Amino acid sequence: MIKKTFRSSKNKNYRDNLPFFVEEKRSRFLQGIPNVDFKDSELLKKFATEQGKILPRRICGTSSKQQRQIKRSIRRARIVGLMR
């Protein structure tokens, strides 16, 4: 969904009144999944890079609660040996 908003400013610059578009971020991977489980390694691989780093929420589009669940699950999966 794209929101159309207008900037308001005290400057009378022509750019201030131009519309700009802000796209809402939504998690494309967690649609319909209430809890993230560490045993689901295929889902967790989508939130990690090839080097094994956890992607930040600004890139994934997850909420802070979902990002904490992802972080916890990836770390547990690494300990158990399901992920690198």
N, C-alpha and C. Protein backbone atom coordinates (compact mmCIF):
# COMPACT_ATOMS: atom_id res chain seq x y z
N MET A 1 0.84 -1.17 0.00
CA MET A 1 0.00 0.00 0.00
C MET A 1 0.88 1.23 0.00
N ILE A 2 0.58 2.19 -0.82
CA ILE A 2 1.38 3.40 -0.93
C ILE A 2 0.57 4.56 -0.39
N LYS A 3 1.17 5.29 0.55
CA LYS A 3 0.51 6.46 1.10
C LYS A 3 0.97 7.70 0.36
N LYS A 4 0.06 8.59 0.11
CA LYS A 4 0.40 9.84 -0.54
C LYS A 4 0.32 10.93 0.52
N THR A 5 1.44 11.54 0.81
CA THR A 5 1.47 12.59 1.82
C THR A 5 2.11 13.83 1.25
N PHE A 6 1.86 14.94 1.91
CA PHE A 6 2.41 16.21 1.49
C PHE A 6 3.29 16.76 2.59
N ARG A 7 4.39 17.34 2.19
CA ARG A 7 5.29 17.95 3.15
C ARG A 7 4.76 19.33 3.52
N SER A 8 4.87 19.69 4.76
CA SER A 8 4.51 21.04 5.16
C SER A 8 5.73 21.66 5.80
N SER A 9 6.04 22.86 5.38
CA SER A 9 7.25 23.51 5.85
C SER A 9 7.01 25.00 5.87
N LYS A 10 7.84 25.70 6.62
CA LYS A 10 7.74 27.16 6.66
C LYS A 10 8.39 27.79 5.44
N ASN A 11 9.31 27.07 4.82
CA ASN A 11 9.93 27.57 3.59
C ASN A 11 8.92 27.50 2.46
N LYS A 12 8.96 28.48 1.60
CA LYS A 12 8.07 28.49 0.44
C LYS A 12 8.84 28.00 -0.77
N ASN A 13 9.29 26.78 -0.68
CA ASN A 13 10.02 26.15 -1.76
C ASN A 13 9.04 25.28 -2.54
N TYR A 14 9.20 25.22 -3.86
CA TYR A 14 8.25 24.46 -4.66
C TYR A 14 8.33 22.97 -4.34
N ARG A 15 9.47 22.49 -3.86
CA ARG A 15 9.60 21.08 -3.55
C ARG A 15 8.82 20.69 -2.31
N ASP A 16 8.54 21.65 -1.45
CA ASP A 16 7.84 21.34 -0.20
C ASP A 16 6.40 20.90 -0.44
N ASN A 17 5.80 21.34 -1.50
CA ASN A 17 4.40 21.01 -1.76
C ASN A 17 4.21 19.85 -2.72
N LEU A 18 5.32 19.26 -3.18
CA LEU A 18 5.21 18.11 -4.06
C LEU A 18 4.89 16.86 -3.26
N PRO A 19 4.03 15.99 -3.78
CA PRO A 19 3.74 14.75 -3.04
C PRO A 19 4.92 13.78 -3.15
N PHE A 20 5.11 13.02 -2.12
CA PHE A 20 6.10 11.96 -2.15
C PHE A 20 5.45 10.71 -1.62
N PHE A 21 5.96 9.58 -2.00
CA PHE A 21 5.33 8.33 -1.69
C PHE A 21 6.16 7.55 -0.68
N VAL A 22 5.47 7.07 0.34
CA VAL A 22 6.11 6.27 1.36
C VAL A 22 5.43 4.91 1.34
N GLU A 23 6.23 3.87 1.17
CA GLU A 23 5.68 2.53 1.10
C GLU A 23 5.77 1.89 2.48
N GLU A 24 4.66 1.35 2.93
CA GLU A 24 4.66 0.68 4.23
C GLU A 24 5.40 -0.64 4.12
N LYS A 25 6.23 -0.92 5.13
CA LYS A 25 6.98 -2.17 5.13
C LYS A 25 6.17 -3.24 5.84
N ARG A 26 6.13 -4.38 5.25
CA ARG A 26 5.49 -5.53 5.86
C ARG A 26 6.41 -6.72 5.68
N SER A 27 6.36 -7.60 6.63
CA SER A 27 7.20 -8.78 6.53
C SER A 27 6.63 -9.72 5.49
N ARG A 28 7.37 -9.96 4.47
CA ARG A 28 6.88 -10.82 3.40
C ARG A 28 7.00 -12.29 3.76
N PHE A 29 7.82 -12.61 4.75
CA PHE A 29 8.05 -14.00 5.10
C PHE A 29 7.17 -14.48 6.26
N LEU A 30 6.71 -13.58 7.09
CA LEU A 30 5.98 -13.99 8.30
C LEU A 30 4.47 -13.81 8.17
N GLN A 31 3.95 -13.81 6.97
CA GLN A 31 2.51 -13.70 6.78
C GLN A 31 1.82 -14.95 7.31
N GLY A 32 1.04 -14.81 8.35
CA GLY A 32 0.27 -15.92 8.89
C GLY A 32 1.02 -16.85 9.82
N ILE A 33 2.23 -16.49 10.24
CA ILE A 33 3.00 -17.32 11.17
C ILE A 33 3.01 -16.63 12.52
N PRO A 34 2.31 -17.17 13.52
CA PRO A 34 2.24 -16.48 14.82
C PRO A 34 3.56 -16.52 15.59
N ASN A 35 4.25 -17.65 15.59
CA ASN A 35 5.50 -17.79 16.33
C ASN A 35 6.57 -18.39 15.43
N VAL A 36 7.79 -17.91 15.61
CA VAL A 36 8.92 -18.43 14.84
C VAL A 36 9.58 -19.52 15.66
N ASP A 37 9.77 -20.69 15.04
CA ASP A 37 10.36 -21.82 15.74
C ASP A 37 11.77 -22.06 15.22
N PHE A 38 12.68 -22.42 16.13
CA PHE A 38 14.08 -22.61 15.73
C PHE A 38 14.27 -23.86 14.88
N LYS A 39 13.31 -24.77 14.88
CA LYS A 39 13.43 -25.99 14.09
C LYS A 39 13.10 -25.78 12.61
N ASP A 40 12.47 -24.66 12.28
CA ASP A 40 12.12 -24.34 10.90
C ASP A 40 13.28 -23.61 10.25
N SER A 41 14.30 -24.35 9.84
CA SER A 41 15.52 -23.73 9.33
C SER A 41 15.33 -23.09 7.96
N GLU A 42 14.39 -23.58 7.17
CA GLU A 42 14.14 -22.99 5.85
C GLU A 42 13.61 -21.57 5.99
N LEU A 43 12.74 -21.33 6.97
CA LEU A 43 12.23 -19.98 7.20
C LEU A 43 13.32 -19.08 7.75
N LEU A 44 14.15 -19.59 8.64
CA LEU A 44 15.19 -18.78 9.26
C LEU A 44 16.29 -18.41 8.27
N LYS A 45 16.50 -19.22 7.24
CA LYS A 45 17.51 -18.90 6.24
C LYS A 45 17.14 -17.65 5.45
N LYS A 46 15.86 -17.33 5.38
CA LYS A 46 15.41 -16.14 4.66
C LYS A 46 15.77 -14.86 5.42
N PHE A 47 16.03 -14.98 6.71
CA PHE A 47 16.36 -13.82 7.53
C PHE A 47 17.84 -13.73 7.84
N ALA A 48 18.65 -14.53 7.18
CA ALA A 48 20.09 -14.49 7.37
C ALA A 48 20.78 -14.40 6.01
N THR A 49 21.97 -13.80 6.01
CA THR A 49 22.74 -13.70 4.78
C THR A 49 23.48 -15.01 4.54
N GLU A 50 24.21 -15.07 3.44
CA GLU A 50 24.98 -16.27 3.14
C GLU A 50 26.11 -16.48 4.13
N GLN A 51 26.60 -15.40 4.70
CA GLN A 51 27.65 -15.49 5.71
C GLN A 51 27.10 -15.87 7.08
N GLY A 52 25.78 -15.85 7.23
CA GLY A 52 25.15 -16.23 8.50
C GLY A 52 24.75 -15.05 9.37
N LYS A 53 24.90 -13.84 8.86
CA LYS A 53 24.52 -12.67 9.64
C LYS A 53 23.01 -12.48 9.61
N ILE A 54 22.45 -12.04 10.72
CA ILE A 54 21.01 -11.80 10.81
C ILE A 54 20.70 -10.47 10.16
N LEU A 55 19.71 -10.46 9.27
CA LEU A 55 19.32 -9.23 8.58
C LEU A 55 18.61 -8.30 9.56
N PRO A 56 18.86 -6.99 9.47
CA PRO A 56 18.17 -6.05 10.36
C PRO A 56 16.71 -5.87 9.98
N ARG A 57 15.94 -5.36 10.90
CA ARG A 57 14.50 -5.25 10.65
C ARG A 57 14.16 -4.17 9.65
N ARG A 58 15.02 -3.21 9.43
CA ARG A 58 14.73 -2.20 8.42
C ARG A 58 14.78 -2.79 7.01
N ILE A 59 15.50 -3.88 6.84
CA ILE A 59 15.57 -4.56 5.55
C ILE A 59 14.47 -5.61 5.44
N CYS A 60 14.25 -6.36 6.52
CA CYS A 60 13.24 -7.43 6.51
C CYS A 60 11.83 -6.88 6.55
N GLY A 61 11.64 -5.76 7.22
CA GLY A 61 10.30 -5.20 7.37
C GLY A 61 9.52 -5.84 8.49
N THR A 62 10.20 -6.47 9.44
CA THR A 62 9.51 -7.11 10.55
C THR A 62 9.29 -6.12 11.68
N SER A 63 8.36 -6.46 12.56
CA SER A 63 8.17 -5.65 13.75
C SER A 63 9.25 -5.99 14.77
N SER A 64 9.33 -5.22 15.83
CA SER A 64 10.39 -5.47 16.82
C SER A 64 10.16 -6.79 17.55
N LYS A 65 8.90 -7.14 17.78
CA LYS A 65 8.60 -8.41 18.43
C LYS A 65 9.00 -9.58 17.54
N GLN A 66 8.67 -9.49 16.26
CA GLN A 66 9.04 -10.55 15.32
C GLN A 66 10.54 -10.65 15.16
N GLN A 67 11.24 -9.50 15.17
CA GLN A 67 12.68 -9.52 15.02
C GLN A 67 13.35 -10.18 16.23
N ARG A 68 12.82 -9.97 17.42
CA ARG A 68 13.36 -10.63 18.61
C ARG A 68 13.16 -12.14 18.53
N GLN A 69 11.99 -12.58 18.03
CA GLN A 69 11.73 -14.00 17.87
C GLN A 69 12.69 -14.61 16.84
N ILE A 70 12.93 -13.89 15.76
CA ILE A 70 13.84 -14.36 14.72
C ILE A 70 15.25 -14.48 15.27
N LYS A 71 15.69 -13.45 15.99
CA LYS A 71 17.04 -13.45 16.55
C LYS A 71 17.24 -14.62 17.50
N ARG A 72 16.27 -14.81 18.38
CA ARG A 72 16.35 -15.90 19.36
C ARG A 72 16.36 -17.26 18.67
N SER A 73 15.52 -17.41 17.65
CA SER A 73 15.42 -18.69 16.94
C SER A 73 16.68 -19.00 16.14
N ILE A 74 17.25 -17.99 15.49
CA ILE A 74 18.48 -18.21 14.72
C ILE A 74 19.62 -18.60 15.65
N ARG A 75 19.72 -17.95 16.78
CA ARG A 75 20.80 -18.28 17.72
C ARG A 75 20.63 -19.69 18.28
N ARG A 76 19.40 -20.09 18.57
CA ARG A 76 19.17 -21.45 19.05
C ARG A 76 19.47 -22.48 17.97
N ALA A 77 19.08 -22.17 16.72
CA ALA A 77 19.34 -23.09 15.62
C ALA A 77 20.84 -23.25 15.39
N ARG A 78 21.61 -22.19 15.60
CA ARG A 78 23.06 -22.29 15.46
C ARG A 78 23.65 -23.19 16.53
N ILE A 79 23.15 -23.07 17.76
CA ILE A 79 23.67 -23.88 18.86
C ILE A 79 23.37 -25.35 18.62
N VAL A 80 22.15 -25.66 18.18
CA VAL A 80 21.75 -27.03 17.94
C VAL A 80 22.46 -27.60 16.72
N GLY A 81 22.83 -26.75 15.78
CA GLY A 81 23.53 -27.20 14.59
C GLY A 81 22.68 -27.25 13.35
N LEU A 82 21.52 -26.61 13.38
CA LEU A 82 20.64 -26.60 12.21
C LEU A 82 21.05 -25.54 11.20
N MET A 83 21.73 -24.51 11.68
CA MET A 83 22.18 -23.41 10.83
C MET A 83 23.65 -23.11 11.10
N ARG A 84 24.26 -22.42 10.16
CA ARG A 84 25.62 -21.94 10.38
C ARG A 84 25.59 -20.56 10.94
